[in-house]
């Protein structure tokens, strides 16, 4: 598993956040994780690439 790395001294969206987590306990339980990259101006013809792999493990109840 790779740690989430955040670049210092660069601007991130949403108040400087590099990650955002949303939860909904009812009626449908879910968790949403968003990983945000630093703000960057792209030149014409450029496009961002952001590859993310999530791994899920069952939890004991």
Protein backbone atom coordinates (compact mmCIF):
# COMPACT_ATOMS: atom_id res chain seq x y z
CA UNK A 1 0.00 0.00 0.00
CA UNK A 2 1.36 3.41 -0.94
CA UNK A 3 0.98 6.33 1.49
CA UNK A 4 -0.93 9.36 0.33
CA UNK A 5 1.63 12.04 -0.38
CA UNK A 6 0.79 15.71 -0.27
CA UNK A 7 3.04 18.36 -1.80
CA UNK A 8 3.82 21.22 0.54
CA UNK A 9 3.78 24.85 -0.53
CA UNK A 10 1.32 24.28 -3.39
CA UNK A 11 -2.37 25.18 -3.57
CA UNK A 12 -5.04 22.48 -3.24
CA UNK A 13 -8.75 22.94 -3.92
CA UNK A 14 -11.50 23.08 -1.30
CA UNK A 15 -9.62 25.02 1.36
CA UNK A 16 -6.30 23.24 0.88
CA UNK A 17 -7.61 19.67 1.08
CA UNK A 18 -5.73 16.77 -0.50
CA UNK A 19 -8.43 14.28 0.51
CA UNK A 20 -12.15 14.42 1.19
CA UNK A 21 -14.26 11.75 2.88
CA UNK A 22 -18.04 11.62 2.75
CA UNK A 23 -20.20 9.19 4.71
CA UNK A 24 -23.88 8.33 4.70
CA UNK A 25 -25.10 6.03 7.49
CA UNK A 26 -28.77 5.84 6.44
CA UNK A 27 -30.66 4.55 4.55
CA UNK A 28 -27.88 3.27 2.27
CA UNK A 29 -24.54 3.06 4.06
CA UNK A 30 -21.51 4.13 2.06
CA UNK A 31 -18.21 5.95 2.30
CA UNK A 32 -16.84 8.05 -0.54
CA UNK A 33 -13.14 8.95 -0.69
CA UNK A 34 -11.85 11.61 -3.05
CA UNK A 35 -8.16 12.25 -3.55
CA UNK A 36 -7.42 15.73 -4.85
CA UNK A 37 -4.32 16.88 -6.66
CA UNK A 38 -2.69 20.29 -6.41
CA UNK A 39 -4.08 23.07 -8.57
CA UNK A 40 -2.13 23.39 -11.77
CA UNK A 41 -2.63 25.31 -15.00
CA UNK A 42 -2.47 23.10 -18.07
CA UNK A 43 -1.25 24.23 -21.45
CA UNK A 44 -3.52 23.85 -24.44
CA UNK A 45 -3.65 20.18 -25.42
CA UNK A 46 -2.45 18.89 -22.04
CA UNK A 47 -4.65 16.71 -19.87
CA UNK A 48 -4.34 15.58 -16.28
CA UNK A 49 -3.63 11.96 -15.38
CA UNK A 50 -4.56 10.71 -11.93
CA UNK A 51 -4.36 6.97 -11.34
CA UNK A 52 -5.76 5.66 -8.08
CA UNK A 53 -6.06 2.10 -6.81
CA UNK A 54 -8.35 1.39 -3.89
CA UNK A 55 -8.09 -1.75 -1.78
CA UNK A 56 -10.95 -2.83 0.43
CA UNK A 57 -10.68 -5.18 3.39
CA UNK A 58 -13.64 -6.69 5.23
CA UNK A 59 -14.11 -5.56 8.81
CA UNK A 60 -14.98 -7.84 11.69
CA UNK A 61 -18.41 -7.27 13.17
